[in-house]
Amino acid sequence: QTVEIAQKTLATIGEICGLRSIDDSEQLHNQPMEIKVIVKPAEA
């Protein structure tokens, strides 16, 4: 399930960057996109 979530996230980012496949994470660099940020409360 963790891998599936990561793959979905990577696919979303790749699509935003206009990529059909990703061979190197540097292909994702310097591509503007909108990110939704939350604040995770302090814990332990």
PDB file of all heavy atoms in Angstrom:
ATOM      1  N   GLN A   1       0.837  -1.203   0.000  1.00  0.00           N
ATOM      2  CA  GLN A   1       0.000   0.000   0.000  1.00  0.00           C
ATOM      3  C   GLN A   1       0.876   1.258   0.000  1.00  0.00           C
ATOM      4  O   GLN A   1       0.576   2.228  -0.694  1.00  0.00           O
ATOM      5  CB  GLN A   1      -0.946   0.006   1.196  1.00  0.00           C
ATOM      6  CG  GLN A   1      -1.914   1.164   1.170  1.00  0.00           C
ATOM      7  CD  GLN A   1      -2.903   1.114   2.324  1.00  0.00           C
ATOM      8  OE1 GLN A   1      -2.747   0.348   3.266  1.00  0.00           O
ATOM      9  NE2 GLN A   1      -3.915   1.959   2.258  1.00  0.00           N
ATOM     10  N   THR A   2       1.958   1.213   0.747  1.00  0.00           N
ATOM     11  CA  THR A   2       2.897   2.336   0.791  1.00  0.00           C
ATOM     12  C   THR A   2       3.517   2.568  -0.586  1.00  0.00           C
ATOM     13  O   THR A   2       3.639   3.705  -1.041  1.00  0.00           O
ATOM     14  CB  THR A   2       4.002   2.066   1.831  1.00  0.00           C
ATOM     15  OG1 THR A   2       3.391   1.864   3.102  1.00  0.00           O
ATOM     16  CG2 THR A   2       4.978   3.205   1.933  1.00  0.00           C
ATOM     17  N   VAL A   3       3.887   1.491  -1.260  1.00  0.00           N
ATOM     18  CA  VAL A   3       4.469   1.584  -2.602  1.00  0.00           C
ATOM     19  C   VAL A   3       3.427   2.115  -3.588  1.00  0.00           C
ATOM     20  O   VAL A   3       3.739   2.973  -4.423  1.00  0.00           O
ATOM     21  CB  VAL A   3       5.018   0.213  -3.063  1.00  0.00           C
ATOM     22  CG1 VAL A   3       5.463   0.263  -4.518  1.00  0.00           C
ATOM     23  CG2 VAL A   3       6.166  -0.223  -2.166  1.00  0.00           C
ATOM     24  N   GLU A   4       2.188   1.655  -3.467  1.00  0.00           N
ATOM     25  CA  GLU A   4       1.127   2.121  -4.360  1.00  0.00           C
ATOM     26  C   GLU A   4       0.902   3.626  -4.218  1.00  0.00           C
ATOM     27  O   GLU A   4       0.774   4.338  -5.211  1.00  0.00           O
ATOM     28  CB  GLU A   4      -0.178   1.374  -4.066  1.00  0.00           C
ATOM     29  CG  GLU A   4      -1.313   1.789  -4.973  1.00  0.00           C
ATOM     30  CD  GLU A   4      -2.623   1.080  -4.642  1.00  0.00           C
ATOM     31  OE1 GLU A   4      -2.640   0.169  -3.797  1.00  0.00           O
ATOM     32  OE2 GLU A   4      -3.639   1.467  -5.240  1.00  0.00           O
ATOM     33  N   ILE A   5       0.894   4.116  -2.993  1.00  0.00           N
ATOM     34  CA  ILE A   5       0.728   5.556  -2.749  1.00  0.00           C
ATOM     35  C   ILE A   5       1.892   6.327  -3.368  1.00  0.00           C
ATOM     36  O   ILE A   5       1.697   7.344  -4.029  1.00  0.00           O
ATOM     37  CB  ILE A   5       0.608   5.848  -1.232  1.00  0.00           C
ATOM     38  CG1 ILE A   5      -0.703   5.279  -0.693  1.00  0.00           C
ATOM     39  CG2 ILE A   5       0.722   7.350  -0.954  1.00  0.00           C
ATOM     40  CD1 ILE A   5      -0.785   5.235   0.824  1.00  0.00           C
ATOM     41  N   ALA A   6       3.111   5.822  -3.189  1.00  0.00           N
ATOM     42  CA  ALA A   6       4.292   6.483  -3.756  1.00  0.00           C
ATOM     43  C   ALA A   6       4.224   6.506  -5.280  1.00  0.00           C
ATOM     44  O   ALA A   6       4.543   7.515  -5.914  1.00  0.00           O
ATOM     45  CB  ALA A   6       5.563   5.778  -3.282  1.00  0.00           C
ATOM     46  N   GLN A   7       3.805   5.391  -5.875  1.00  0.00           N
ATOM     47  CA  GLN A   7       3.709   5.322  -7.331  1.00  0.00           C
ATOM     48  C   GLN A   7       2.658   6.286  -7.866  1.00  0.00           C
ATOM     49  O   GLN A   7       2.876   6.938  -8.890  1.00  0.00           O
ATOM     50  CB  GLN A   7       3.401   3.890  -7.777  1.00  0.00           C
ATOM     51  CG  GLN A   7       4.573   2.961  -7.598  1.00  0.00           C
ATOM     52  CD  GLN A   7       4.237   1.521  -7.950  1.00  0.00           C
ATOM     53  OE1 GLN A   7       3.078   1.132  -8.043  1.00  0.00           O
ATOM     54  NE2 GLN A   7       5.266   0.709  -8.128  1.00  0.00           N
ATOM     55  N   LYS A   8       1.519   6.389  -7.190  1.00  0.00           N
ATOM     56  CA  LYS A   8       0.477   7.326  -7.617  1.00  0.00           C
ATOM     57  C   LYS A   8       0.976   8.766  -7.526  1.00  0.00           C
ATOM     58  O   LYS A   8       0.730   9.578  -8.419  1.00  0.00           O
ATOM     59  CB  LYS A   8      -0.783   7.147  -6.774  1.00  0.00           C
ATOM     60  CG  LYS A   8      -1.562   5.901  -7.102  1.00  0.00           C
ATOM     61  CD  LYS A   8      -2.793   5.778  -6.223  1.00  0.00           C
ATOM     62  CE  LYS A   8      -3.591   4.530  -6.563  1.00  0.00           C
ATOM     63  NZ  LYS A   8      -4.779   4.391  -5.707  1.00  0.00           N
ATOM     64  N   THR A   9       1.680   9.065  -6.444  1.00  0.00           N
ATOM     65  CA  THR A   9       2.223  10.415  -6.267  1.00  0.00           C
ATOM     66  C   THR A   9       3.249  10.721  -7.354  1.00  0.00           C
ATOM     67  O   THR A   9       3.210  11.783  -7.981  1.00  0.00           O
ATOM     68  CB  THR A   9       2.861  10.560  -4.872  1.00  0.00           C
ATOM     69  OG1 THR A   9       1.875  10.281  -3.881  1.00  0.00           O
ATOM     70  CG2 THR A   9       3.425  11.955  -4.664  1.00  0.00           C
ATOM     71  N   LEU A  10       4.146   9.779  -7.601  1.00  0.00           N
ATOM     72  CA  LEU A  10       5.176   9.976  -8.622  1.00  0.00           C
ATOM     73  C   LEU A  10       4.552  10.108 -10.013  1.00  0.00           C
ATOM     74  O   LEU A  10       4.977  10.941 -10.815  1.00  0.00           O
ATOM     75  CB  LEU A  10       6.179   8.829  -8.574  1.00  0.00           C
ATOM     76  CG  LEU A  10       7.482   9.002  -9.330  1.00  0.00           C
ATOM     77  CD1 LEU A  10       8.222  10.266  -8.903  1.00  0.00           C
ATOM     78  CD2 LEU A  10       8.373   7.784  -9.121  1.00  0.00           C
ATOM     79  N   ALA A  11       3.513   9.328 -10.284  1.00  0.00           N
ATOM     80  CA  ALA A  11       2.819   9.420 -11.577  1.00  0.00           C
ATOM     81  C   ALA A  11       2.164  10.789 -11.740  1.00  0.00           C
ATOM     82  O   ALA A  11       2.210  11.389 -12.818  1.00  0.00           O
ATOM     83  CB  ALA A  11       1.778   8.313 -11.699  1.00  0.00           C
ATOM     84  N   THR A  12       1.565  11.304 -10.665  1.00  0.00           N
ATOM     85  CA  THR A  12       0.931  12.621 -10.709  1.00  0.00           C
ATOM     86  C   THR A  12       1.968  13.703 -10.983  1.00  0.00           C
ATOM     87  O   THR A  12       1.771  14.561 -11.851  1.00  0.00           O
ATOM     88  CB  THR A  12       0.193  12.909  -9.386  1.00  0.00           C
ATOM     89  OG1 THR A  12      -0.814  11.907  -9.185  1.00  0.00           O
ATOM     90  CG2 THR A  12      -0.439  14.288  -9.388  1.00  0.00           C
ATOM     91  N   ILE A  13       3.076  13.655 -10.262  1.00  0.00           N
ATOM     92  CA  ILE A  13       4.139  14.648 -10.461  1.00  0.00           C
ATOM     93  C   ILE A  13       4.707  14.533 -11.874  1.00  0.00           C
ATOM     94  O   ILE A  13       4.922  15.535 -12.557  1.00  0.00           O
ATOM     95  CB  ILE A  13       5.246  14.487  -9.395  1.00  0.00           C
ATOM     96  CG1 ILE A  13       4.693  14.814  -8.010  1.00  0.00           C
ATOM     97  CG2 ILE A  13       6.457  15.371  -9.723  1.00  0.00           C
ATOM     98  CD1 ILE A  13       5.621  14.441  -6.862  1.00  0.00           C
ATOM     99  N   GLY A  14       4.939  13.304 -12.336  1.00  0.00           N
ATOM    100  CA  GLY A  14       5.461  13.098 -13.683  1.00  0.00           C
ATOM    101  C   GLY A  14       4.538  13.655 -14.750  1.00  0.00           C
ATOM    102  O   GLY A  14       4.988  14.292 -15.708  1.00  0.00           O
ATOM    103  N   GLU A  15       3.242  13.430 -14.586  1.00  0.00           N
ATOM    104  CA  GLU A  15       2.276  13.953 -15.554  1.00  0.00           C
ATOM    105  C   GLU A  15       2.278  15.476 -15.566  1.00  0.00           C
ATOM    106  O   GLU A  15       2.254  16.096 -16.633  1.00  0.00           O
ATOM    107  CB  GLU A  15       0.876  13.427 -15.224  1.00  0.00           C
ATOM    108  CG  GLU A  15      -0.174  13.863 -16.227  1.00  0.00           C
ATOM    109  CD  GLU A  15      -1.514  13.238 -15.946  1.00  0.00           C
ATOM    110  OE1 GLU A  15      -2.129  13.609 -14.918  1.00  0.00           O
ATOM    111  OE2 GLU A  15      -1.943  12.393 -16.735  1.00  0.00           O
ATOM    112  N   ILE A  16       2.354  16.085 -14.385  1.00  0.00           N
ATOM    113  CA  ILE A  16       2.417  17.548 -14.293  1.00  0.00           C
ATOM    114  C   ILE A  16       3.655  18.070 -15.038  1.00  0.00           C
ATOM    115  O   ILE A  16       3.607  19.108 -15.692  1.00  0.00           O
ATOM    116  CB  ILE A  16       2.433  18.008 -12.817  1.00  0.00           C
ATOM    117  CG1 ILE A  16       1.066  17.752 -12.174  1.00  0.00           C
ATOM    118  CG2 ILE A  16       2.836  19.478 -12.692  1.00  0.00           C
ATOM    119  CD1 ILE A  16       1.055  17.884 -10.668  1.00  0.00           C
ATOM    120  N   CYS A  17       4.745  17.306 -14.973  1.00  0.00           N
ATOM    121  CA  CYS A  17       5.994  17.694 -15.636  1.00  0.00           C
ATOM    122  C   CYS A  17       5.990  17.354 -17.119  1.00  0.00           C
ATOM    123  O   CYS A  17       6.976  17.610 -17.820  1.00  0.00           O
ATOM    124  CB  CYS A  17       7.182  17.023 -14.946  1.00  0.00           C
ATOM    125  SG  CYS A  17       7.454  17.583 -13.251  1.00  0.00           S
ATOM    126  N   GLY A  18       4.905  16.750 -17.609  1.00  0.00           N
ATOM    127  CA  GLY A  18       4.804  16.426 -19.026  1.00  0.00           C
ATOM    128  C   GLY A  18       5.578  15.180 -19.432  1.00  0.00           C
ATOM    129  O   GLY A  18       5.949  15.028 -20.593  1.00  0.00           O
ATOM    130  N   LEU A  19       5.808  14.279 -18.483  1.00  0.00           N
ATOM    131  CA  LEU A  19       6.588  13.079 -18.764  1.00  0.00           C
ATOM    132  C   LEU A  19       5.694  11.854 -18.937  1.00  0.00           C
ATOM    133  O   LEU A  19       4.688  11.719 -18.243  1.00  0.00           O
ATOM    134  CB  LEU A  19       7.571  12.816 -17.616  1.00  0.00           C
ATOM    135  CG  LEU A  19       8.563  13.934 -17.308  1.00  0.00           C
ATOM    136  CD1 LEU A  19       9.335  13.631 -16.044  1.00  0.00           C
ATOM    137  CD2 LEU A  19       9.506  14.140 -18.481  1.00  0.00           C
ATOM    138  N   ARG A  20       6.100  10.969 -19.829  1.00  0.00           N
ATOM    139  CA  ARG A  20       5.398   9.687 -20.018  1.00  0.00           C
ATOM    140  C   ARG A  20       6.082   8.584 -19.219  1.00  0.00           C
ATOM    141  O   ARG A  20       5.464   7.585 -18.864  1.00  0.00           O
ATOM    142  CB  ARG A  20       5.353   9.329 -21.485  1.00  0.00           C
ATOM    143  CG  ARG A  20       4.481  10.293 -22.288  1.00  0.00           C
ATOM    144  CD  ARG A  20       4.411   9.895 -23.737  1.00  0.00           C
ATOM    145  NE  ARG A  20       3.882   8.547 -23.880  1.00  0.00           N
ATOM    146  CZ  ARG A  20       2.668   8.264 -24.342  1.00  0.00           C
ATOM    147  NH1 ARG A  20       1.882   9.237 -24.704  1.00  0.00           N
ATOM    148  NH2 ARG A  20       2.263   7.016 -24.453  1.00  0.00           N
ATOM    149  N   SER A  21       7.373   8.753 -18.967  1.00  0.00           N
ATOM    150  CA  SER A  21       8.128   7.817 -18.132  1.00  0.00           C
ATOM    151  C   SER A  21       9.216   8.604 -17.418  1.00  0.00           C
ATOM    152  O   SER A  21       9.598   9.697 -17.851  1.00  0.00           O
ATOM    153  CB  SER A  21       8.731   6.684 -18.967  1.00  0.00           C
ATOM    154  OG  SER A  21       9.696   7.195 -19.854  1.00  0.00           O
ATOM    155  N   ILE A  22       9.709   8.028 -16.337  1.00  0.00           N
ATOM    156  CA  ILE A  22      10.744   8.689 -15.534  1.00  0.00           C
ATOM    157  C   ILE A  22      11.895   7.713 -15.350  1.00  0.00           C
ATOM    158  O   ILE A  22      11.711   6.636 -14.785  1.00  0.00           O
ATOM    159  CB  ILE A  22      10.198   9.137 -14.158  1.00  0.00           C
ATOM    160  CG1 ILE A  22       8.988  10.055 -14.333  1.00  0.00           C
ATOM    161  CG2 ILE A  22      11.288   9.818 -13.337  1.00  0.00           C
ATOM    162  CD1 ILE A  22       8.202  10.298 -13.050  1.00  0.00           C
ATOM    163  N   ASP A  23      13.070   8.091 -15.829  1.00  0.00           N
ATOM    164  CA  ASP A  23      14.266   7.268 -15.679  1.00  0.00           C
ATOM    165  C   ASP A  23      15.175   7.803 -14.574  1.00  0.00           C
ATOM    166  O   ASP A  23      15.942   7.059 -13.992  1.00  0.00           O
ATOM    167  CB  ASP A  23      15.067   7.226 -16.983  1.00  0.00           C
ATOM    168  CG  ASP A  23      14.279   6.595 -18.117  1.00  0.00           C
ATOM    169  OD1 ASP A  23      13.626   5.565 -17.883  1.00  0.00           O
ATOM    170  OD2 ASP A  23      14.308   7.146 -19.232  1.00  0.00           O
ATOM    171  N   ASP A  24      15.082   9.102 -14.338  1.00  0.00           N
ATOM    172  CA  ASP A  24      15.947   9.763 -13.365  1.00  0.00           C
ATOM    173  C   ASP A  24      15.131  10.861 -12.703  1.00  0.00           C
ATOM    174  O   ASP A  24      14.442  11.628 -13.388  1.00  0.00           O
ATOM    175  CB  ASP A  24      17.156  10.357 -14.105  1.00  0.00           C
ATOM    176  CG  ASP A  24      18.228  10.894 -13.180  1.00  0.00           C
ATOM    177  OD1 ASP A  24      17.887  11.570 -12.184  1.00  0.00           O
ATOM    178  OD2 ASP A  24      19.416  10.648 -13.461  1.00  0.00           O
ATOM    179  N   SER A  25      15.211  10.945 -11.390  1.00  0.00           N
ATOM    180  CA  SER A  25      14.411  11.944 -10.666  1.00  0.00           C
ATOM    181  C   SER A  25      14.755  13.375 -11.064  1.00  0.00           C
ATOM    182  O   SER A  25      13.943  14.281 -10.881  1.00  0.00           O
ATOM    183  CB  SER A  25      14.551  11.764  -9.155  1.00  0.00           C
ATOM    184  OG  SER A  25      15.899  11.942  -8.749  1.00  0.00           O
ATOM    185  N   GLU A  26      15.918  13.596 -11.655  1.00  0.00           N
ATOM    186  CA  GLU A  26      16.276  14.947 -12.110  1.00  0.00           C
ATOM    187  C   GLU A  26      15.356  15.443 -13.216  1.00  0.00           C
ATOM    188  O   GLU A  26      15.253  16.648 -13.444  1.00  0.00           O
ATOM    189  CB  GLU A  26      17.736  15.004 -12.570  1.00  0.00           C
ATOM    190  CG  GLU A  26      18.688  15.139 -11.398  1.00  0.00           C
ATOM    191  CD  GLU A  26      20.058  15.613 -11.819  1.00  0.00           C
ATOM    192  OE1 GLU A  26      20.156  16.453 -12.737  1.00  0.00           O
ATOM    193  OE2 GLU A  26      21.030  15.141 -11.218  1.00  0.00           O
ATOM    194  N   GLN A  27      14.661  14.532 -13.896  1.00  0.00           N
ATOM    195  CA  GLN A  27      13.700  14.924 -14.914  1.00  0.00           C
ATOM    196  C   GLN A  27      12.560  15.744 -14.303  1.00  0.00           C
ATOM    197  O   GLN A  27      11.869  16.468 -15.014  1.00  0.00           O
ATOM    198  CB  GLN A  27      13.106  13.691 -15.599  1.00  0.00           C
ATOM    199  CG  GLN A  27      14.089  12.905 -16.437  1.00  0.00           C
ATOM    200  CD  GLN A  27      13.461  11.622 -16.941  1.00  0.00           C
ATOM    201  OE1 GLN A  27      13.560  10.583 -16.293  1.00  0.00           O
ATOM    202  NE2 GLN A  27      12.807  11.694 -18.088  1.00  0.00           N
ATOM    203  N   LEU A  28      12.363  15.625 -13.007  1.00  0.00           N
ATOM    204  CA  LEU A  28      11.284  16.330 -12.312  1.00  0.00           C
ATOM    205  C   LEU A  28      11.707  17.707 -11.810  1.00  0.00           C
ATOM    206  O   LEU A  28      10.858  18.487 -11.374  1.00  0.00           O
ATOM    207  CB  LEU A  28      10.806  15.490 -11.109  1.00  0.00           C
ATOM    208  CG  LEU A  28      10.415  14.045 -11.406  1.00  0.00           C
ATOM    209  CD1 LEU A  28      10.177  13.294 -10.100  1.00  0.00           C
ATOM    210  CD2 LEU A  28       9.197  14.002 -12.307  1.00  0.00           C
ATOM    211  N   HIS A  29      12.983  17.998 -11.867  1.00  0.00           N
ATOM    212  CA  HIS A  29      13.502  19.246 -11.310  1.00  0.00           C
ATOM    213  C   HIS A  29      13.071  20.459 -12.130  1.00  0.00           C
ATOM    214  O   HIS A  29      12.913  20.384 -13.348  1.00  0.00           O
ATOM    215  CB  HIS A  29      15.029  19.210 -11.248  1.00  0.00           C
ATOM    216  CG  HIS A  29      15.564  18.241 -10.251  1.00  0.00           C
ATOM    217  ND1 HIS A  29      16.841  18.314  -9.773  1.00  0.00           N
ATOM    218  CD2 HIS A  29      15.016  17.166  -9.631  1.00  0.00           C
ATOM    219  CE1 HIS A  29      17.059  17.337  -8.916  1.00  0.00           C
ATOM    220  NE2 HIS A  29      15.956  16.622  -8.817  1.00  0.00           N
ATOM    221  N   ASN A  30      12.906  21.572 -11.415  1.00  0.00           N
ATOM    222  CA  ASN A  30      12.662  22.895 -12.012  1.00  0.00           C
ATOM    223  C   ASN A  30      11.395  22.972 -12.855  1.00  0.00           C
ATOM    224  O   ASN A  30      11.337  23.725 -13.818  1.00  0.00           O
ATOM    225  CB  ASN A  30      13.887  23.346 -12.824  1.00  0.00           C
ATOM    226  CG  ASN A  30      15.143  23.348 -11.983  1.00  0.00           C
ATOM    227  OD1 ASN A  30      15.156  23.860 -10.872  1.00  0.00           O
ATOM    228  ND2 ASN A  30      16.191  22.745 -12.486  1.00  0.00           N
ATOM    229  N   GLN A  31      10.388  22.205 -12.478  1.00  0.00           N
ATOM    230  CA  GLN A  31       9.096  22.223 -13.156  1.00  0.00           C
ATOM    231  C   GLN A  31       8.059  22.809 -12.194  1.00  0.00           C
ATOM    232  O   GLN A  31       7.669  22.137 -11.239  1.00  0.00           O
ATOM    233  CB  GLN A  31       8.678  20.800 -13.564  1.00  0.00           C
ATOM    234  CG  GLN A  31       9.665  20.094 -14.460  1.00  0.00           C
ATOM    235  CD  GLN A  31       9.726  20.705 -15.836  1.00  0.00           C
ATOM    236  OE1 GLN A  31       8.726  21.152 -16.382  1.00  0.00           O
ATOM    237  NE2 GLN A  31      10.911  20.725 -16.406  1.00  0.00           N
ATOM    238  N   PRO A  32       7.619  24.043 -12.396  1.00  0.00           N
ATOM    239  CA  PRO A  32       6.655  24.649 -11.466  1.00  0.00           C
ATOM    240  C   PRO A  32       5.357  23.845 -11.394  1.00  0.00           C
ATOM    241  O   PRO A  32       4.864  23.355 -12.399  1.00  0.00           O
ATOM    242  CB  PRO A  32       6.400  26.031 -12.068  1.00  0.00           C
ATOM    243  CG  PRO A  32       7.602  26.305 -12.902  1.00  0.00           C
ATOM    244  CD  PRO A  32       8.018  24.964 -13.448  1.00  0.00           C
ATOM    245  N   MET A  33       4.848  23.708 -10.182  1.00  0.00           N
ATOM    246  CA  MET A  33       3.567  23.046  -9.942  1.00  0.00           C
ATOM    247  C   MET A  33       2.968  23.600  -8.659  1.00  0.00           C
ATOM    248  O   MET A  33       3.659  24.244  -7.871  1.00  0.00           O
ATOM    249  CB  MET A  33       3.740  21.529  -9.857  1.00  0.00           C
ATOM    250  CG  MET A  33       4.561  21.035  -8.688  1.00  0.00           C
ATOM    251  SD  MET A  33       4.906  19.263  -8.771  1.00  0.00           S
ATOM    252  CE  MET A  33       6.140  19.214 -10.053  1.00  0.00           C
ATOM    253  N   GLU A  34       1.701  23.370  -8.481  1.00  0.00           N
ATOM    254  CA  GLU A  34       1.030  23.807  -7.257  1.00  0.00           C
ATOM    255  C   GLU A  34       1.032  22.642  -6.271  1.00  0.00           C
ATOM    256  O   GLU A  34       0.664  21.524  -6.625  1.00  0.00           O
ATOM    257  CB  GLU A  34      -0.401  24.235  -7.556  1.00  0.00           C
ATOM    258  CG  GLU A  34      -1.109  24.829  -6.358  1.00  0.00           C
ATOM    259  CD  GLU A  34      -2.487  25.378  -6.701  1.00  0.00           C
ATOM    260  OE1 GLU A  34      -2.665  25.879  -7.834  1.00  0.00           O
ATOM    261  OE2 GLU A  34      -3.365  25.304  -5.834  1.00  0.00           O
ATOM    262  N   ILE A  35       1.475  22.908  -5.047  1.00  0.00           N
ATOM    263  CA  ILE A  35       1.454  21.889  -4.005  1.00  0.00           C
ATOM    264  C   ILE A  35       0.510  22.337  -2.896  1.00  0.00           C
ATOM    265  O   ILE A  35       0.416  23.523  -2.587  1.00  0.00           O
ATOM    266  CB  ILE A  35       2.865  21.596  -3.437  1.00  0.00           C
ATOM    267  CG1 ILE A  35       3.502  22.850  -2.818  1.00  0.00           C
ATOM    268  CG2 ILE A  35       3.765  21.006  -4.516  1.00  0.00           C
ATOM    269  CD1 ILE A  35       4.820  22.592  -2.093  1.00  0.00           C
ATOM    270  N   LYS A  36      -0.206  21.381  -2.342  1.00  0.00           N
ATOM    271  CA  LYS A  36      -1.089  21.651  -1.206  1.00  0.00           C
ATOM    272  C   LYS A  36      -0.345  21.206   0.046  1.00  0.00           C
ATOM    273  O   LYS A  36      -0.008  20.033   0.204  1.00  0.00           O
ATOM    274  CB  LYS A  36      -2.397  20.880  -1.333  1.00  0.00           C
ATOM    275  CG  LYS A  36      -3.339  21.140  -0.181  1.00  0.00           C
ATOM    276  CD  LYS A  36      -4.639  20.395  -0.350  1.00  0.00           C
ATOM    277  CE  LYS A  36      -5.569  20.725   0.812  1.00  0.00           C
ATOM    278  NZ  LYS A  36      -6.881  20.097   0.626  1.00  0.00           N
ATOM    279  N   VAL A  37      -0.086  22.160   0.934  1.00  0.00           N
ATOM    280  CA  VAL A  37       0.711  21.917   2.128  1.00  0.00           C
ATOM    281  C   VAL A  37      -0.190  21.974   3.360  1.00  0.00           C
ATOM    282  O   VAL A  37      -1.052  22.845   3.465  1.00  0.00           O
ATOM    283  CB  VAL A  37       1.838  22.973   2.244  1.00  0.00           C
ATOM    284  CG1 VAL A  37       2.616  22.823   3.542  1.00  0.00           C
ATOM    285  CG2 VAL A  37       2.772  22.899   1.044  1.00  0.00           C
ATOM    286  N   ILE A  38       0.023  21.009   4.269  1.00  0.00           N
ATOM    287  CA  ILE A  38      -0.656  21.041   5.572  1.00  0.00           C
ATOM    288  C   ILE A  38       0.406  21.150   6.660  1.00  0.00           C
ATOM    289  O   ILE A  38       1.604  20.949   6.402  1.00  0.00           O
ATOM    290  CB  ILE A  38      -1.541  19.797   5.807  1.00  0.00           C
ATOM    291  CG1 ILE A  38      -0.682  18.530   5.896  1.00  0.00           C
ATOM    292  CG2 ILE A  38      -2.612  19.675   4.733  1.00  0.00           C
ATOM    293  CD1 ILE A  38      -1.404  17.355   6.523  1.00  0.00           C
ATOM    294  N   VAL A  39      -0.034  21.446   7.876  1.00  0.00           N
ATOM    295  CA  VAL A  39       0.858  21.451   9.023  1.00  0.00           C
ATOM    296  C   VAL A  39       0.492  20.242   9.878  1.00  0.00           C
ATOM    297  O   VAL A  39      -0.634  20.137  10.364  1.00  0.00           O
ATOM    298  CB  VAL A  39       0.738  22.754   9.842  1.00  0.00           C
ATOM    299  CG1 VAL A  39       1.625  22.686  11.079  1.00  0.00           C
ATOM    300  CG2 VAL A  39       1.099  23.957   8.983  1.00  0.00           C
ATOM    301  N   LYS A  40       1.428  19.336  10.014  1.00  0.00           N
ATOM    302  CA  LYS A  40       1.235  18.144  10.840  1.00  0.00           C
ATOM    303  C   LYS A  40       1.623  18.524  12.272  1.00  0.00           C
ATOM    304  O   LYS A  40       2.745  18.983  12.510  1.00  0.00           O
ATOM    305  CB  LYS A  40       2.117  17.014  10.306  1.00  0.00           C
ATOM    306  CG  LYS A  40       1.856  15.690  10.924  1.00  0.00           C
ATOM    307  CD  LYS A  40       2.686  14.615  10.228  1.00  0.00           C
ATOM    308  CE  LYS A  40       2.526  13.307  10.950  1.00  0.00           C
ATOM    309  NZ  LYS A  40       3.401  12.268  10.380  1.00  0.00           N
ATOM    310  N   PRO A  41       0.707  18.342  13.232  1.00  0.00           N
ATOM    311  CA  PRO A  41       0.992  18.755  14.610  1.00  0.00           C
ATOM    312  C   PRO A  41       2.175  17.999  15.219  1.00  0.00           C
ATOM    313  O   PRO A  41       2.499  16.884  14.803  1.00  0.00           O
ATOM    314  CB  PRO A  41      -0.299  18.410  15.363  1.00  0.00           C
ATOM    315  CG  PRO A  41      -1.329  18.154  14.332  1.00  0.00           C
ATOM    316  CD  PRO A  41      -0.616  17.749  13.081  1.00  0.00           C
ATOM    317  N   ALA A  42       2.780  18.620  16.233  1.00  0.00           N
ATOM    318  CA  ALA A  42       3.879  17.983  16.961  1.00  0.00           C
ATOM    319  C   ALA A  42       3.364  16.700  17.607  1.00  0.00           C
ATOM    320  O   ALA A  42       2.211  16.621  18.032  1.00  0.00           O
ATOM    321  CB  ALA A  42       4.417  18.937  18.019  1.00  0.00           C
ATOM    322  N   GLU A  43       4.252  15.705  17.659  1.00  0.00           N
ATOM    323  CA  GLU A  43       3.853  14.418  18.213  1.00  0.00           C
ATOM    324  C   GLU A  43       5.093  13.715  18.754  1.00  0.00           C
ATOM    325  O   GLU A  43       6.113  13.631  18.086  1.00  0.00           O
ATOM    326  CB  GLU A  43       3.150  13.659  17.085  1.00  0.00           C
ATOM    327  CG  GLU A  43       3.193  12.220  17.062  1.00  0.00           C
ATOM    328  CD  GLU A  43       2.470  11.650  15.843  1.00  0.00           C
ATOM    329  OE1 GLU A  43       1.393  12.132  15.447  1.00  0.00           O
ATOM    330  OE2 GLU A  43       3.017  10.709  15.283  1.00  0.00           O
ATOM    331  N   ALA A  44       5.010  13.240  19.994  1.00  0.00           N
ATOM    332  CA  ALA A  44       6.121  12.566  20.681  1.00  0.00           C
ATOM    333  C   ALA A  44       7.378  13.432  20.616  1.00  0.00           C
ATOM    334  O   ALA A  44       7.351  14.576  21.041  1.00  0.00           O
ATOM    335  CB  ALA A  44       6.345  11.178  20.108  1.00  0.00           C
TER     336      ALA A  44
END
